[in-house]
Amino acid sequence: MSTPQNSDEFYEKLKSQLYDTTSWPSDYLYKFIIKSDVKKIAKLEAIFNNMGAVIQTTESKNGKYTSVSVNVLLENPEVVVEKYKEVAEKIEGVISL
């Protein structure tokens, strides 16, 4: 994401699409890619701690990156966006898919 304005536009569009296509509360699947760093993975897991999230990690073939899938029951699209923003804010270099 290049600028905060573009990020805001992206998140507003995502929120709108989620309201249109999903009945809430609903399970939501986040997918992230981060450098394979135990501290970064732990930080990511901590963001979803105490939410009943199911978290799966898969290391890349060469071990340089880790894919993290987080499946969690959320109340509404606002919470989806809040979590994306929190992850981007707290974990440097994370890629959200």
N, C-alpha and C. Protein backbone atom coordinates (compact mmCIF):
# COMPACT_ATOMS: atom_id res chain seq x y z
N MET A 1 0.85 -1.17 0.00
CA MET A 1 0.00 0.00 0.00
C MET A 1 0.89 1.23 0.00
N SER A 2 0.66 2.11 -0.92
CA SER A 2 1.61 3.19 -1.10
C SER A 2 1.37 4.39 -0.19
N THR A 3 0.13 4.83 -0.04
CA THR A 3 -0.12 5.99 0.81
C THR A 3 -1.27 5.71 1.75
N PRO A 4 -1.31 6.44 2.88
CA PRO A 4 -2.42 6.24 3.81
C PRO A 4 -3.78 6.45 3.15
N GLN A 5 -3.88 7.42 2.23
CA GLN A 5 -5.15 7.66 1.56
C GLN A 5 -5.57 6.43 0.77
N ASN A 6 -4.63 5.83 0.04
CA ASN A 6 -4.95 4.62 -0.72
C ASN A 6 -5.35 3.50 0.22
N SER A 7 -4.68 3.40 1.36
CA SER A 7 -5.02 2.38 2.34
C SER A 7 -6.44 2.58 2.83
N ASP A 8 -6.78 3.82 3.15
CA ASP A 8 -8.13 4.11 3.63
C ASP A 8 -9.17 3.75 2.58
N GLU A 9 -8.88 4.08 1.33
CA GLU A 9 -9.81 3.74 0.24
C GLU A 9 -9.94 2.23 0.12
N PHE A 10 -8.82 1.52 0.21
CA PHE A 10 -8.84 0.06 0.13
C PHE A 10 -9.70 -0.52 1.25
N TYR A 11 -9.49 -0.04 2.47
CA TYR A 11 -10.23 -0.57 3.62
C TYR A 11 -11.72 -0.26 3.54
N GLU A 12 -12.07 0.93 3.05
CA GLU A 12 -13.48 1.27 2.89
C GLU A 12 -14.15 0.37 1.86
N LYS A 13 -13.44 0.10 0.78
CA LYS A 13 -13.98 -0.78 -0.26
C LYS A 13 -14.13 -2.20 0.28
N LEU A 14 -13.14 -2.66 1.03
CA LEU A 14 -13.20 -4.00 1.63
C LEU A 14 -14.38 -4.09 2.58
N LYS A 15 -14.55 -3.09 3.43
CA LYS A 15 -15.66 -3.08 4.39
C LYS A 15 -17.00 -3.16 3.67
N SER A 16 -17.14 -2.37 2.62
CA SER A 16 -18.37 -2.35 1.84
C SER A 16 -18.65 -3.72 1.22
N GLN A 17 -17.61 -4.32 0.63
CA GLN A 17 -17.77 -5.64 0.01
C GLN A 17 -18.16 -6.70 1.05
N LEU A 18 -17.54 -6.62 2.22
CA LEU A 18 -17.84 -7.61 3.27
C LEU A 18 -19.29 -7.47 3.75
N TYR A 19 -19.76 -6.23 3.88
CA TYR A 19 -21.17 -6.03 4.27
C TYR A 19 -22.11 -6.59 3.20
N ASP A 20 -21.74 -6.41 1.93
CA ASP A 20 -22.60 -6.84 0.83
C ASP A 20 -22.63 -8.35 0.63
N THR A 21 -21.54 -9.03 0.97
CA THR A 21 -21.43 -10.44 0.61
C THR A 21 -21.49 -11.42 1.78
N THR A 22 -21.53 -10.90 3.00
CA THR A 22 -21.42 -11.78 4.16
C THR A 22 -22.44 -11.40 5.21
N SER A 23 -23.02 -12.40 5.87
CA SER A 23 -23.88 -12.09 7.00
C SER A 23 -23.04 -12.18 8.27
N TRP A 24 -23.18 -11.21 9.13
CA TRP A 24 -22.33 -11.08 10.32
C TRP A 24 -23.09 -11.40 11.59
N PRO A 25 -22.42 -11.94 12.62
CA PRO A 25 -21.00 -12.31 12.72
C PRO A 25 -20.67 -13.47 11.79
N SER A 26 -19.38 -13.54 11.41
CA SER A 26 -18.94 -14.55 10.45
C SER A 26 -17.47 -14.89 10.67
N ASP A 27 -17.09 -16.10 10.22
CA ASP A 27 -15.68 -16.45 10.22
C ASP A 27 -14.98 -15.65 9.14
N TYR A 28 -13.76 -15.22 9.42
CA TYR A 28 -12.97 -14.49 8.44
C TYR A 28 -11.58 -15.10 8.42
N LEU A 29 -11.04 -15.29 7.23
CA LEU A 29 -9.71 -15.87 7.07
C LEU A 29 -8.72 -14.80 6.64
N TYR A 30 -7.78 -14.49 7.52
CA TYR A 30 -6.69 -13.58 7.20
C TYR A 30 -5.52 -14.43 6.69
N LYS A 31 -4.77 -13.86 5.75
CA LYS A 31 -3.54 -14.51 5.29
C LYS A 31 -2.45 -13.46 5.25
N PHE A 32 -1.34 -13.80 5.89
CA PHE A 32 -0.20 -12.88 5.96
C PHE A 32 1.06 -13.62 5.56
N ILE A 33 2.03 -12.87 5.04
CA ILE A 33 3.36 -13.40 4.78
C ILE A 33 4.34 -12.49 5.51
N ILE A 34 5.21 -13.12 6.32
CA ILE A 34 6.22 -12.34 7.04
C ILE A 34 7.55 -13.08 6.96
N LYS A 35 8.64 -12.34 7.20
CA LYS A 35 9.94 -13.01 7.26
C LYS A 35 9.89 -13.97 8.43
N SER A 36 10.55 -15.12 8.25
CA SER A 36 10.56 -16.14 9.30
C SER A 36 11.36 -15.63 10.49
N ASP A 37 10.64 -15.07 11.44
CA ASP A 37 11.23 -14.50 12.65
C ASP A 37 10.29 -14.86 13.79
N VAL A 38 10.79 -15.60 14.75
CA VAL A 38 9.96 -16.09 15.85
C VAL A 38 9.25 -14.94 16.57
N LYS A 39 9.94 -13.82 16.75
CA LYS A 39 9.33 -12.67 17.45
C LYS A 39 8.18 -12.07 16.64
N LYS A 40 8.36 -11.95 15.33
CA LYS A 40 7.29 -11.39 14.49
C LYS A 40 6.07 -12.31 14.46
N ILE A 41 6.32 -13.62 14.37
CA ILE A 41 5.22 -14.58 14.37
C ILE A 41 4.48 -14.53 15.70
N ALA A 42 5.22 -14.44 16.79
CA ALA A 42 4.60 -14.35 18.12
C ALA A 42 3.78 -13.07 18.26
N LYS A 43 4.29 -11.96 17.72
CA LYS A 43 3.55 -10.69 17.75
C LYS A 43 2.23 -10.81 16.99
N LEU A 44 2.30 -11.45 15.82
CA LEU A 44 1.10 -11.64 15.01
C LEU A 44 0.08 -12.50 15.75
N GLU A 45 0.55 -13.58 16.35
CA GLU A 45 -0.35 -14.45 17.11
C GLU A 45 -0.95 -13.71 18.29
N ALA A 46 -0.18 -12.84 18.94
CA ALA A 46 -0.67 -12.09 20.10
C ALA A 46 -1.80 -11.14 19.73
N ILE A 47 -1.78 -10.61 18.51
CA ILE A 47 -2.83 -9.69 18.05
C ILE A 47 -4.19 -10.40 18.04
N PHE A 48 -4.18 -11.70 17.76
CA PHE A 48 -5.43 -12.46 17.70
C PHE A 48 -5.65 -13.32 18.95
N ASN A 49 -4.85 -13.08 19.98
CA ASN A 49 -4.94 -13.85 21.22
C ASN A 49 -6.30 -13.60 21.90
N ASN A 50 -6.83 -14.62 22.55
CA ASN A 50 -8.09 -14.54 23.29
C ASN A 50 -9.30 -14.23 22.41
N MET A 51 -9.19 -14.56 21.13
CA MET A 51 -10.32 -14.34 20.21
C MET A 51 -10.85 -15.67 19.68
N GLY A 52 -10.25 -16.77 20.10
CA GLY A 52 -10.66 -18.07 19.59
C GLY A 52 -10.18 -18.33 18.18
N ALA A 53 -9.13 -17.65 17.78
CA ALA A 53 -8.61 -17.78 16.42
C ALA A 53 -7.87 -19.11 16.24
N VAL A 54 -8.01 -19.66 15.05
CA VAL A 54 -7.23 -20.84 14.66
C VAL A 54 -6.12 -20.32 13.76
N ILE A 55 -4.87 -20.51 14.20
CA ILE A 55 -3.73 -19.96 13.49
C ILE A 55 -2.86 -21.09 12.96
N GLN A 56 -2.55 -21.03 11.66
CA GLN A 56 -1.68 -22.02 11.04
C GLN A 56 -0.50 -21.30 10.39
N THR A 57 0.69 -21.84 10.57
CA THR A 57 1.87 -21.27 9.94
C THR A 57 2.52 -22.29 9.03
N THR A 58 3.04 -21.81 7.91
CA THR A 58 3.75 -22.66 6.96
C THR A 58 5.00 -21.91 6.50
N GLU A 59 6.15 -22.52 6.71
CA GLU A 59 7.40 -21.91 6.31
C GLU A 59 7.64 -22.16 4.82
N SER A 60 8.24 -21.18 4.15
CA SER A 60 8.56 -21.35 2.73
C SER A 60 9.63 -22.43 2.57
N LYS A 61 9.81 -22.88 1.35
CA LYS A 61 10.74 -23.98 1.08
C LYS A 61 12.15 -23.66 1.57
N ASN A 62 12.59 -22.42 1.37
CA ASN A 62 13.94 -22.06 1.81
C ASN A 62 13.98 -21.53 3.24
N GLY A 63 12.82 -21.43 3.88
CA GLY A 63 12.76 -21.01 5.28
C GLY A 63 12.88 -19.52 5.52
N LYS A 64 12.89 -18.73 4.45
CA LYS A 64 13.06 -17.28 4.60
C LYS A 64 11.76 -16.58 5.01
N TYR A 65 10.63 -17.10 4.56
CA TYR A 65 9.33 -16.49 4.85
C TYR A 65 8.39 -17.50 5.49
N THR A 66 7.41 -16.96 6.21
CA THR A 66 6.38 -17.79 6.81
C THR A 66 5.02 -17.25 6.42
N SER A 67 4.15 -18.16 5.98
CA SER A 67 2.76 -17.82 5.68
C SER A 67 1.95 -18.10 6.94
N VAL A 68 1.14 -17.13 7.33
CA VAL A 68 0.32 -17.28 8.53
C VAL A 68 -1.15 -17.10 8.14
N SER A 69 -1.96 -18.13 8.41
CA SER A 69 -3.40 -18.08 8.18
C SER A 69 -4.09 -17.98 9.52
N VAL A 70 -5.01 -17.03 9.63
CA VAL A 70 -5.74 -16.82 10.88
C VAL A 70 -7.23 -16.89 10.57
N ASN A 71 -7.91 -17.89 11.12
CA ASN A 71 -9.35 -18.02 10.93
C ASN A 71 -10.01 -17.66 12.26
N VAL A 72 -10.89 -16.65 12.23
CA VAL A 72 -11.47 -16.16 13.47
C VAL A 72 -12.90 -15.67 13.24
N LEU A 73 -13.74 -15.86 14.24
CA LEU A 73 -15.12 -15.39 14.19
C LEU A 73 -15.14 -13.92 14.60
N LEU A 74 -15.66 -13.06 13.71
CA LEU A 74 -15.68 -11.62 13.97
C LEU A 74 -17.10 -11.09 13.89
N GLU A 75 -17.33 -9.99 14.59
CA GLU A 75 -18.67 -9.40 14.69
C GLU A 75 -19.11 -8.67 13.44
N ASN A 76 -18.17 -7.92 12.80
CA ASN A 76 -18.54 -7.11 11.65
C ASN A 76 -17.29 -6.70 10.85
N PRO A 77 -17.47 -6.13 9.67
CA PRO A 77 -16.33 -5.73 8.85
C PRO A 77 -15.41 -4.69 9.49
N GLU A 78 -15.94 -3.87 10.41
CA GLU A 78 -15.08 -2.90 11.08
C GLU A 78 -13.97 -3.60 11.85
N VAL A 79 -14.31 -4.72 12.49
CA VAL A 79 -13.31 -5.48 13.25
C VAL A 79 -12.29 -6.09 12.30
N VAL A 80 -12.73 -6.55 11.13
CA VAL A 80 -11.81 -7.09 10.12
C VAL A 80 -10.76 -6.04 9.77
N VAL A 81 -11.22 -4.83 9.47
CA VAL A 81 -10.32 -3.74 9.08
C VAL A 81 -9.42 -3.33 10.24
N GLU A 82 -9.98 -3.24 11.45
CA GLU A 82 -9.17 -2.88 12.62
C GLU A 82 -7.99 -3.83 12.79
N LYS A 83 -8.24 -5.12 12.61
CA LYS A 83 -7.17 -6.12 12.78
C LYS A 83 -6.12 -5.98 11.68
N TYR A 84 -6.55 -5.75 10.44
CA TYR A 84 -5.58 -5.53 9.36
C TYR A 84 -4.68 -4.33 9.70
N LYS A 85 -5.29 -3.25 10.16
CA LYS A 85 -4.52 -2.05 10.50
C LYS A 85 -3.58 -2.30 11.66
N GLU A 86 -4.05 -3.02 12.67
CA GLU A 86 -3.22 -3.32 13.84
C GLU A 86 -2.00 -4.16 13.44
N VAL A 87 -2.21 -5.15 12.59
CA VAL A 87 -1.10 -5.99 12.13
C VAL A 87 -0.10 -5.13 11.35
N ALA A 88 -0.59 -4.31 10.43
CA ALA A 88 0.31 -3.47 9.62
C ALA A 88 1.10 -2.49 10.49
N GLU A 89 0.46 -2.00 11.56
CA GLU A 89 1.08 -1.03 12.45
C GLU A 89 2.15 -1.67 13.34
N LYS A 90 1.90 -2.88 13.81
CA LYS A 90 2.76 -3.50 14.81
C LYS A 90 3.84 -4.41 14.25
N ILE A 91 3.68 -4.87 13.00
CA ILE A 91 4.64 -5.82 12.45
C ILE A 91 5.23 -5.27 11.16
N GLU A 92 6.50 -4.93 11.23
CA GLU A 92 7.18 -4.35 10.09
C GLU A 92 7.37 -5.38 8.98
N GLY A 93 7.06 -4.98 7.75
CA GLY A 93 7.30 -5.83 6.60
C GLY A 93 6.27 -6.90 6.34
N VAL A 94 5.16 -6.86 7.05
CA VAL A 94 4.12 -7.88 6.84
C VAL A 94 3.41 -7.63 5.51
N ILE A 95 3.06 -8.71 4.83
CA ILE A 95 2.28 -8.62 3.60
C ILE A 95 0.92 -9.24 3.88
N SER A 96 -0.14 -8.47 3.68
CA SER A 96 -1.50 -8.96 3.87
C SER A 96 -2.05 -9.39 2.52
N LEU A 97 -2.60 -10.60 2.50
CA LEU A 97 -3.16 -11.11 1.24
C LEU A 97 -4.67 -11.08 1.30
